[in-house]
Amino acid sequence: MENELLQLTVIAAIIAPITAALVQGIKTASGISDKLNIVVSLLVGIALAGLWSLTFGHIDQIGPYLMAGVLSGLSASGLYDLTKQKEETK
């Protein structure tokens, strides 16, 4: 169990910067509002984790992988919020 949890945490950590970059690109291209940023980052994180699961043949573990995608999306949206707050305080 510990090994699987560690593996999913590592996957979420790997996908999070990719998710943040994709969400920033989507936000720039489409001009979505800050309120939709969290939803978009969750959807992108889930999609990336699902693709990761399918690519490496772990279709039987799709549920935990999608949960790693949720973690990735939440951390990507949190990273955006933290950087925005730091810029406003300058």
PDB file of N, CA and C in Angstrom:
ATOM      1  N   MET A   1       0.815  -1.197   0.000  1.00  0.00           N
ATOM      2  CA  MET A   1       0.000   0.000   0.000  1.00  0.00           C
ATOM      3  C   MET A   1       0.859   1.262   0.000  1.00  0.00           C
ATOM      4  N   GLU A   2       1.938   1.272   0.795  1.00  0.00           N
ATOM      5  CA  GLU A   2       2.799   2.445   0.852  1.00  0.00           C
ATOM      6  C   GLU A   2       3.425   2.731  -0.495  1.00  0.00           C
ATOM      7  N   ASN A   3       3.840   1.693  -1.201  1.00  0.00           N
ATOM      8  CA  ASN A   3       4.474   1.865  -2.497  1.00  0.00           C
ATOM      9  C   ASN A   3       3.512   2.478  -3.511  1.00  0.00           C
ATOM     10  N   GLU A   4       2.269   2.039  -3.496  1.00  0.00           N
ATOM     11  CA  GLU A   4       1.275   2.579  -4.424  1.00  0.00           C
ATOM     12  C   GLU A   4       0.969   4.039  -4.116  1.00  0.00           C
ATOM     13  N   LEU A   5       0.855   4.375  -2.849  1.00  0.00           N
ATOM     14  CA  LEU A   5       0.593   5.753  -2.453  1.00  0.00           C
ATOM     15  C   LEU A   5       1.754   6.664  -2.841  1.00  0.00           C
ATOM     16  N   LEU A   6       2.962   6.184  -2.633  1.00  0.00           N
ATOM     17  CA  LEU A   6       4.139   6.946  -3.023  1.00  0.00           C
ATOM     18  C   LEU A   6       4.183   7.143  -4.536  1.00  0.00           C
ATOM     19  N   GLN A   7       3.834   6.107  -5.283  1.00  0.00           N
ATOM     20  CA  GLN A   7       3.823   6.191  -6.743  1.00  0.00           C
ATOM     21  C   GLN A   7       2.810   7.239  -7.218  1.00  0.00           C
ATOM     22  N   LEU A   8       1.621   7.256  -6.651  1.00  0.00           N
ATOM     23  CA  LEU A   8       0.609   8.227  -7.047  1.00  0.00           C
ATOM     24  C   LEU A   8       0.990   9.653  -6.646  1.00  0.00           C
ATOM     25  N   THR A   9       1.652   9.797  -5.514  1.00  0.00           N
ATOM     26  CA  THR A   9       2.110  11.116  -5.098  1.00  0.00           C
ATOM     27  C   THR A   9       3.182  11.638  -6.053  1.00  0.00           C
ATOM     28  N   VAL A  10       4.071  10.762  -6.477  1.00  0.00           N
ATOM     29  CA  VAL A  10       5.104  11.143  -7.435  1.00  0.00           C
ATOM     30  C   VAL A  10       4.477  11.523  -8.771  1.00  0.00           C
ATOM     31  N   ILE A  11       3.487  10.759  -9.210  1.00  0.00           N
ATOM     32  CA  ILE A  11       2.802  11.067 -10.472  1.00  0.00           C
ATOM     33  C   ILE A  11       2.132  12.431 -10.384  1.00  0.00           C
ATOM     34  N   ALA A  12       1.461  12.709  -9.268  1.00  0.00           N
ATOM     35  CA  ALA A  12       0.809  14.011  -9.099  1.00  0.00           C
ATOM     36  C   ALA A  12       1.845  15.135  -9.099  1.00  0.00           C
ATOM     37  N   ALA A  13       3.005  14.884  -8.490  1.00  0.00           N
ATOM     38  CA  ALA A  13       4.051  15.905  -8.467  1.00  0.00           C
ATOM     39  C   ALA A  13       4.646  16.135  -9.852  1.00  0.00           C
ATOM     40  N   ILE A  14       4.716  15.097 -10.663  1.00  0.00           N
ATOM     41  CA  ILE A  14       5.247  15.243 -12.019  1.00  0.00           C
ATOM     42  C   ILE A  14       4.240  15.954 -12.914  1.00  0.00           C
ATOM     43  N   ILE A  15       2.979  15.629 -12.767  1.00  0.00           N
ATOM     44  CA  ILE A  15       1.948  16.190 -13.635  1.00  0.00           C
ATOM     45  C   ILE A  15       1.610  17.641 -13.264  1.00  0.00           C
ATOM     46  N   ALA A  16       1.797  18.037 -12.015  1.00  0.00           N
ATOM     47  CA  ALA A  16       1.385  19.371 -11.555  1.00  0.00           C
ATOM     48  C   ALA A  16       2.008  20.523 -12.356  1.00  0.00           C
ATOM     49  N   PRO A  17       3.321  20.541 -12.604  1.00  0.00           N
ATOM     50  CA  PRO A  17       3.853  21.657 -13.395  1.00  0.00           C
ATOM     51  C   PRO A  17       3.358  21.646 -14.841  1.00  0.00           C
ATOM     52  N   ILE A  18       3.156  20.456 -15.387  1.00  0.00           N
ATOM     53  CA  ILE A  18       2.617  20.351 -16.748  1.00  0.00           C
ATOM     54  C   ILE A  18       1.192  20.889 -16.770  1.00  0.00           C
ATOM     55  N   THR A  19       0.433  20.544 -15.748  1.00  0.00           N
ATOM     56  CA  THR A  19      -0.938  21.050 -15.632  1.00  0.00           C
ATOM     57  C   THR A  19      -0.948  22.570 -15.520  1.00  0.00           C
ATOM     58  N   ALA A  20      -0.068  23.102 -14.690  1.00  0.00           N
ATOM     59  CA  ALA A  20      -0.007  24.559 -14.515  1.00  0.00           C
ATOM     60  C   ALA A  20       0.348  25.257 -15.824  1.00  0.00           C
ATOM     61  N   ALA A  21       1.285  24.683 -16.559  1.00  0.00           N
ATOM     62  CA  ALA A  21       1.684  25.290 -17.835  1.00  0.00           C
ATOM     63  C   ALA A  21       0.546  25.238 -18.850  1.00  0.00           C
ATOM     64  N   LEU A  22      -0.136  24.105 -18.933  1.00  0.00           N
ATOM     65  CA  LEU A  22      -1.247  23.984 -19.875  1.00  0.00           C
ATOM     66  C   LEU A  22      -2.400  24.920 -19.507  1.00  0.00           C
ATOM     67  N   VAL A  23      -2.693  25.023 -18.226  1.00  0.00           N
ATOM     68  CA  VAL A  23      -3.773  25.904 -17.783  1.00  0.00           C
ATOM     69  C   VAL A  23      -3.420  27.358 -18.077  1.00  0.00           C
ATOM     70  N   GLN A  24      -2.170  27.725 -17.860  1.00  0.00           N
ATOM     71  CA  GLN A  24      -1.758  29.094 -18.164  1.00  0.00           C
ATOM     72  C   GLN A  24      -1.886  29.365 -19.662  1.00  0.00           C
ATOM     73  N   GLY A  25      -1.519  28.389 -20.493  1.00  0.00           N
ATOM     74  CA  GLY A  25      -1.686  28.548 -21.933  1.00  0.00           C
ATOM     75  C   GLY A  25      -3.141  28.666 -22.340  1.00  0.00           C
ATOM     76  N   ILE A  26      -3.987  27.842 -21.732  1.00  0.00           N
ATOM     77  CA  ILE A  26      -5.421  27.906 -22.025  1.00  0.00           C
ATOM     78  C   ILE A  26      -5.991  29.239 -21.574  1.00  0.00           C
ATOM     79  N   LYS A  27      -5.563  29.686 -20.401  1.00  0.00           N
ATOM     80  CA  LYS A  27      -6.069  30.953 -19.874  1.00  0.00           C
ATOM     81  C   LYS A  27      -5.663  32.117 -20.769  1.00  0.00           C
ATOM     82  N   THR A  28      -4.433  32.096 -21.243  1.00  0.00           N
ATOM     83  CA  THR A  28      -3.962  33.166 -22.116  1.00  0.00           C
ATOM     84  C   THR A  28      -4.676  33.138 -23.462  1.00  0.00           C
ATOM     85  N   ALA A  29      -4.860  31.948 -23.998  1.00  0.00           N
ATOM     86  CA  ALA A  29      -5.465  31.824 -25.328  1.00  0.00           C
ATOM     87  C   ALA A  29      -6.960  32.129 -25.319  1.00  0.00           C
ATOM     88  N   SER A  30      -7.658  31.683 -24.275  1.00  0.00           N
ATOM     89  CA  SER A  30      -9.113  31.829 -24.292  1.00  0.00           C
ATOM     90  C   SER A  30      -9.627  32.940 -23.385  1.00  0.00           C
ATOM     91  N   GLY A  31      -8.803  33.448 -22.498  1.00  0.00           N
ATOM     92  CA  GLY A  31      -9.229  34.537 -21.620  1.00  0.00           C
ATOM     93  C   GLY A  31     -10.251  34.119 -20.582  1.00  0.00           C
ATOM     94  N   ILE A  32     -10.109  32.917 -20.018  1.00  0.00           N
ATOM     95  CA  ILE A  32     -11.046  32.477 -18.989  1.00  0.00           C
ATOM     96  C   ILE A  32     -10.854  33.295 -17.721  1.00  0.00           C
ATOM     97  N   SER A  33     -11.890  33.370 -16.920  1.00  0.00           N
ATOM     98  CA  SER A  33     -11.813  34.151 -15.688  1.00  0.00           C
ATOM     99  C   SER A  33     -11.079  33.364 -14.601  1.00  0.00           C
ATOM    100  N   ASP A  34     -10.707  34.074 -13.544  1.00  0.00           N
ATOM    101  CA  ASP A  34     -10.017  33.430 -12.435  1.00  0.00           C
ATOM    102  C   ASP A  34     -10.899  32.409 -11.732  1.00  0.00           C
ATOM    103  N   LYS A  35     -12.194  32.617 -11.751  1.00  0.00           N
ATOM    104  CA  LYS A  35     -13.107  31.684 -11.099  1.00  0.00           C
ATOM    105  C   LYS A  35     -13.135  30.339 -11.812  1.00  0.00           C
ATOM    106  N   LEU A  36     -12.977  30.355 -13.117  1.00  0.00           N
ATOM    107  CA  LEU A  36     -12.970  29.101 -13.878  1.00  0.00           C
ATOM    108  C   LEU A  36     -11.594  28.444 -13.903  1.00  0.00           C
ATOM    109  N   ASN A  37     -10.592  29.134 -13.413  1.00  0.00           N
ATOM    110  CA  ASN A  37      -9.232  28.603 -13.424  1.00  0.00           C
ATOM    111  C   ASN A  37      -9.132  27.284 -12.664  1.00  0.00           C
ATOM    112  N   ILE A  38      -9.793  27.189 -11.534  1.00  0.00           N
ATOM    113  CA  ILE A  38      -9.734  25.967 -10.724  1.00  0.00           C
ATOM    114  C   ILE A  38     -10.390  24.800 -11.456  1.00  0.00           C
ATOM    115  N   VAL A  39     -11.532  25.055 -12.073  1.00  0.00           N
ATOM    116  CA  VAL A  39     -12.236  23.997 -12.810  1.00  0.00           C
ATOM    117  C   VAL A  39     -11.404  23.516 -13.984  1.00  0.00           C
ATOM    118  N   VAL A  40     -10.821  24.462 -14.717  1.00  0.00           N
ATOM    119  CA  VAL A  40      -9.997  24.094 -15.868  1.00  0.00           C
ATOM    120  C   VAL A  40      -8.765  23.316 -15.415  1.00  0.00           C
ATOM    121  N   SER A  41      -8.132  23.740 -14.330  1.00  0.00           N
ATOM    122  CA  SER A  41      -6.947  23.028 -13.857  1.00  0.00           C
ATOM    123  C   SER A  41      -7.298  21.623 -13.368  1.00  0.00           C
ATOM    124  N   LEU A  42      -8.458  21.464 -12.739  1.00  0.00           N
ATOM    125  CA  LEU A  42      -8.888  20.119 -12.339  1.00  0.00           C
ATOM    126  C   LEU A  42      -9.115  19.228 -13.557  1.00  0.00           C
ATOM    127  N   LEU A  43      -9.790  19.760 -14.559  1.00  0.00           N
ATOM    128  CA  LEU A  43     -10.062  18.961 -15.758  1.00  0.00           C
ATOM    129  C   LEU A  43      -8.778  18.601 -16.496  1.00  0.00           C
ATOM    130  N   VAL A  44      -7.861  19.540 -16.589  1.00  0.00           N
ATOM    131  CA  VAL A  44      -6.588  19.249 -17.260  1.00  0.00           C
ATOM    132  C   VAL A  44      -5.790  18.221 -16.462  1.00  0.00           C
ATOM    133  N   GLY A  45      -5.752  18.367 -15.143  1.00  0.00           N
ATOM    134  CA  GLY A  45      -5.040  17.397 -14.298  1.00  0.00           C
ATOM    135  C   GLY A  45      -5.619  16.002 -14.410  1.00  0.00           C
ATOM    136  N   ILE A  46      -6.936  15.898 -14.405  1.00  0.00           N
ATOM    137  CA  ILE A  46      -7.591  14.591 -14.541  1.00  0.00           C
ATOM    138  C   ILE A  46      -7.305  13.990 -15.911  1.00  0.00           C
ATOM    139  N   ALA A  47      -7.353  14.820 -16.956  1.00  0.00           N
ATOM    140  CA  ALA A  47      -7.082  14.326 -18.305  1.00  0.00           C
ATOM    141  C   ALA A  47      -5.639  13.831 -18.438  1.00  0.00           C
ATOM    142  N   LEU A  48      -4.698  14.589 -17.881  1.00  0.00           N
ATOM    143  CA  LEU A  48      -3.297  14.167 -17.952  1.00  0.00           C
ATOM    144  C   LEU A  48      -3.046  12.878 -17.177  1.00  0.00           C
ATOM    145  N   ALA A  49      -3.652  12.746 -16.018  1.00  0.00           N
ATOM    146  CA  ALA A  49      -3.487  11.526 -15.231  1.00  0.00           C
ATOM    147  C   ALA A  49      -4.135  10.334 -15.930  1.00  0.00           C
ATOM    148  N   GLY A  50      -5.286  10.561 -16.549  1.00  0.00           N
ATOM    149  CA  GLY A  50      -5.924   9.484 -17.315  1.00  0.00           C
ATOM    150  C   GLY A  50      -5.069   9.046 -18.488  1.00  0.00           C
ATOM    151  N   LEU A  51      -4.476  10.015 -19.187  1.00  0.00           N
ATOM    152  CA  LEU A  51      -3.574   9.682 -20.290  1.00  0.00           C
ATOM    153  C   LEU A  51      -2.340   8.935 -19.794  1.00  0.00           C
ATOM    154  N   TRP A  52      -1.832   9.343 -18.643  1.00  0.00           N
ATOM    155  CA  TRP A  52      -0.676   8.660 -18.044  1.00  0.00           C
ATOM    156  C   TRP A  52      -1.036   7.205 -17.771  1.00  0.00           C
ATOM    157  N   SER A  53      -2.207   6.990 -17.197  1.00  0.00           N
ATOM    158  CA  SER A  53      -2.653   5.635 -16.878  1.00  0.00           C
ATOM    159  C   SER A  53      -2.793   4.780 -18.137  1.00  0.00           C
ATOM    160  N   LEU A  54      -3.386   5.357 -19.170  1.00  0.00           N
ATOM    161  CA  LEU A  54      -3.563   4.614 -20.420  1.00  0.00           C
ATOM    162  C   LEU A  54      -2.236   4.368 -21.126  1.00  0.00           C
ATOM    163  N   THR A  55      -1.346   5.338 -21.084  1.00  0.00           N
ATOM    164  CA  THR A  55      -0.062   5.212 -21.769  1.00  0.00           C
ATOM    165  C   THR A  55       0.790   4.102 -21.179  1.00  0.00           C
ATOM    166  N   PHE A  56       0.817   4.001 -19.873  1.00  0.00           N
ATOM    167  CA  PHE A  56       1.664   3.012 -19.227  1.00  0.00           C
ATOM    168  C   PHE A  56       0.932   1.718 -18.877  1.00  0.00           C
ATOM    169  N   GLY A  57      -0.280   1.561 -19.390  1.00  0.00           N
ATOM    170  CA  GLY A  57      -1.000   0.300 -19.248  1.00  0.00           C
ATOM    171  C   GLY A  57      -1.525  -0.004 -17.871  1.00  0.00           C
ATOM    172  N   HIS A  58      -1.864   0.999 -17.113  1.00  0.00           N
ATOM    173  CA  HIS A  58      -2.402   0.789 -15.765  1.00  0.00           C
ATOM    174  C   HIS A  58      -3.894   1.082 -15.733  1.00  0.00           C
ATOM    175  N   ILE A  59      -4.615   0.566 -16.692  1.00  0.00           N
ATOM    176  CA  ILE A  59      -6.049   0.835 -16.796  1.00  0.00           C
ATOM    177  C   ILE A  59      -6.812   0.273 -15.602  1.00  0.00           C
ATOM    178  N   ASP A  60      -6.280  -0.767 -14.978  1.00  0.00           N
ATOM    179  CA  ASP A  60      -6.942  -1.350 -13.814  1.00  0.00           C
ATOM    180  C   ASP A  60      -6.851  -0.434 -12.587  1.00  0.00           C
ATOM    181  N   GLN A  61      -5.926   0.531 -12.613  1.00  0.00           N
ATOM    182  CA  GLN A  61      -5.766   1.469 -11.501  1.00  0.00           C
ATOM    183  C   GLN A  61      -6.183   2.880 -11.897  1.00  0.00           C
ATOM    184  N   ILE A  62      -7.143   3.008 -12.785  1.00  0.00           N
ATOM    185  CA  ILE A  62      -7.532   4.320 -13.309  1.00  0.00           C
ATOM    186  C   ILE A  62      -8.090   5.233 -12.221  1.00  0.00           C
ATOM    187  N   GLY A  63      -8.795   4.689 -11.254  1.00  0.00           N
ATOM    188  CA  GLY A  63      -9.365   5.495 -10.173  1.00  0.00           C
ATOM    189  C   GLY A  63      -8.315   6.244  -9.363  1.00  0.00           C
ATOM    190  N   PRO A  64      -7.320   5.535  -8.833  1.00  0.00           N
ATOM    191  CA  PRO A  64      -6.270   6.248  -8.104  1.00  0.00           C
ATOM    192  C   PRO A  64      -5.491   7.232  -8.977  1.00  0.00           C
ATOM    193  N   TYR A  65      -5.310   6.888 -10.242  1.00  0.00           N
ATOM    194  CA  TYR A  65      -4.616   7.807 -11.136  1.00  0.00           C
ATOM    195  C   TYR A  65      -5.421   9.086 -11.338  1.00  0.00           C
ATOM    196  N   LEU A  66      -6.730   8.952 -11.473  1.00  0.00           N
ATOM    197  CA  LEU A  66      -7.569  10.138 -11.620  1.00  0.00           C
ATOM    198  C   LEU A  66      -7.538  10.980 -10.355  1.00  0.00           C
ATOM    199  N   MET A  67      -7.427  10.333  -9.217  1.00  0.00           N
ATOM    200  CA  MET A  67      -7.295  11.074  -7.958  1.00  0.00           C
ATOM    201  C   MET A  67      -5.970  11.835  -7.929  1.00  0.00           C
ATOM    202  N   ALA A  68      -4.910  11.229  -8.467  1.00  0.00           N
ATOM    203  CA  ALA A  68      -3.635  11.936  -8.589  1.00  0.00           C
ATOM    204  C   ALA A  68      -3.799  13.147  -9.515  1.00  0.00           C
ATOM    205  N   GLY A  69      -4.652  13.012 -10.529  1.00  0.00           N
ATOM    206  CA  GLY A  69      -4.933  14.138 -11.411  1.00  0.00           C
ATOM    207  C   GLY A  69      -5.660  15.257 -10.693  1.00  0.00           C
ATOM    208  N   VAL A  70      -6.563  14.900  -9.797  1.00  0.00           N
ATOM    209  CA  VAL A  70      -7.257  15.912  -8.995  1.00  0.00           C
ATOM    210  C   VAL A  70      -6.243  16.648  -8.114  1.00  0.00           C
ATOM    211  N   LEU A  71      -5.343  15.894  -7.480  1.00  0.00           N
ATOM    212  CA  LEU A  71      -4.304  16.522  -6.666  1.00  0.00           C
ATOM    213  C   LEU A  71      -3.421  17.435  -7.504  1.00  0.00           C
ATOM    214  N   SER A  72      -3.101  16.979  -8.696  1.00  0.00           N
ATOM    215  CA  SER A  72      -2.292  17.781  -9.605  1.00  0.00           C
ATOM    216  C   SER A  72      -3.007  19.063  -9.994  1.00  0.00           C
ATOM    217  N   GLY A  73      -4.283  18.962 -10.313  1.00  0.00           N
ATOM    218  CA  GLY A  73      -5.055  20.143 -10.686  1.00  0.00           C
ATOM    219  C   GLY A  73      -5.193  21.127  -9.538  1.00  0.00           C
ATOM    220  N   LEU A  74      -5.427  20.615  -8.346  1.00  0.00           N
ATOM    221  CA  LEU A  74      -5.546  21.503  -7.183  1.00  0.00           C
ATOM    222  C   LEU A  74      -4.227  22.193  -6.867  1.00  0.00           C
ATOM    223  N   SER A  75      -3.132  21.456  -6.980  1.00  0.00           N
ATOM    224  CA  SER A  75      -1.845  22.091  -6.708  1.00  0.00           C
ATOM    225  C   SER A  75      -1.490  23.087  -7.797  1.00  0.00           C
ATOM    226  N   ALA A  76      -1.880  22.806  -9.034  1.00  0.00           N
ATOM    227  CA  ALA A  76      -1.612  23.753 -10.117  1.00  0.00           C
ATOM    228  C   ALA A  76      -2.401  25.042  -9.911  1.00  0.00           C
ATOM    229  N   SER A  77      -3.630  24.942  -9.487  1.00  0.00           N
ATOM    230  CA  SER A  77      -4.404  26.160  -9.247  1.00  0.00           C
ATOM    231  C   SER A  77      -3.901  26.873  -8.005  1.00  0.00           C
ATOM    232  N   GLY A  78      -3.422  26.165  -7.031  1.00  0.00           N
ATOM    233  CA  GLY A  78      -2.851  26.775  -5.831  1.00  0.00           C
ATOM    234  C   GLY A  78      -1.556  27.492  -6.130  1.00  0.00           C
ATOM    235  N   LEU A  79      -0.743  26.931  -6.995  1.00  0.00           N
ATOM    236  CA  LEU A  79       0.493  27.600  -7.397  1.00  0.00           C
ATOM    237  C   LEU A  79       0.181  28.927  -8.070  1.00  0.00           C
ATOM    238  N   TYR A  80      -0.846  28.938  -8.896  1.00  0.00           N
ATOM    239  CA  TYR A  80      -1.226  30.176  -9.572  1.00  0.00           C
ATOM    240  C   TYR A  80      -1.686  31.220  -8.559  1.00  0.00           C
ATOM    241  N   ASP A  81      -2.489  30.820  -7.598  1.00  0.00           N
ATOM    242  CA  ASP A  81      -2.992  31.763  -6.605  1.00  0.00           C
ATOM    243  C   ASP A  81      -1.866  32.330  -5.740  1.00  0.00           C
ATOM    244  N   LEU A  82      -0.891  31.501  -5.381  1.00  0.00           N
ATOM    245  CA  LEU A  82       0.211  31.980  -4.556  1.00  0.00           C
ATOM    246  C   LEU A  82       1.070  32.988  -5.308  1.00  0.00           C
ATOM    247  N   THR A  83       1.352  32.735  -6.568  1.00  0.00           N
ATOM    248  CA  THR A  83       2.169  33.676  -7.329  1.00  0.00           C
ATOM    249  C   THR A  83       1.412  34.975  -7.563  1.00  0.00           C
ATOM    250  N   LYS A  84       0.114  34.902  -7.742  1.00  0.00           N
ATOM    251  CA  LYS A  84      -0.672  36.111  -7.950  1.00  0.00           C
ATOM    252  C   LYS A  84      -0.654  36.973  -6.690  1.00  0.00           C
ATOM    253  N   GLN A  85      -0.769  36.354  -5.516  1.00  0.00           N
ATOM    254  CA  GLN A  85      -0.750  37.110  -4.269  1.00  0.00           C
ATOM    255  C   GLN A  85       0.604  37.777  -4.058  1.00  0.00           C
ATOM    256  N   LYS A  86       1.688  37.098  -4.403  1.00  0.00           N
ATOM    257  CA  LYS A  86       3.011  37.684  -4.238  1.00  0.00           C
ATOM    258  C   LYS A  86       3.215  38.882  -5.150  1.00  0.00           C
ATOM    259  N   GLU A  87       2.685  38.802  -6.375  1.00  0.00           N
ATOM    260  CA  GLU A  87       2.811  39.917  -7.305  1.00  0.00           C
ATOM    261  C   GLU A  87       2.030  41.122  -6.829  1.00  0.00           C
ATOM    262  N   GLU A  88       0.866  40.906  -6.217  1.00  0.00           N
ATOM    263  CA  GLU A  88       0.035  42.014  -5.749  1.00  0.00           C
ATOM    264  C   GLU A  88       0.665  42.737  -4.567  1.00  0.00           C
ATOM    265  N   THR A  89       1.472  42.045  -3.763  1.00  0.00           N
ATOM    266  CA  THR A  89       2.067  42.666  -2.588  1.00  0.00           C
ATOM    267  C   THR A  89       3.294  43.504  -2.938  1.00  0.00           C
ATOM    268  N   LYS A  90       3.833  43.352  -4.125  1.00  0.00           N
ATOM    269  CA  LYS A  90       5.032  44.107  -4.516  1.00  0.00           C
ATOM    270  C   LYS A  90       4.728  45.571  -4.725  1.00  0.00           C
TER     271      LYS A  90
END
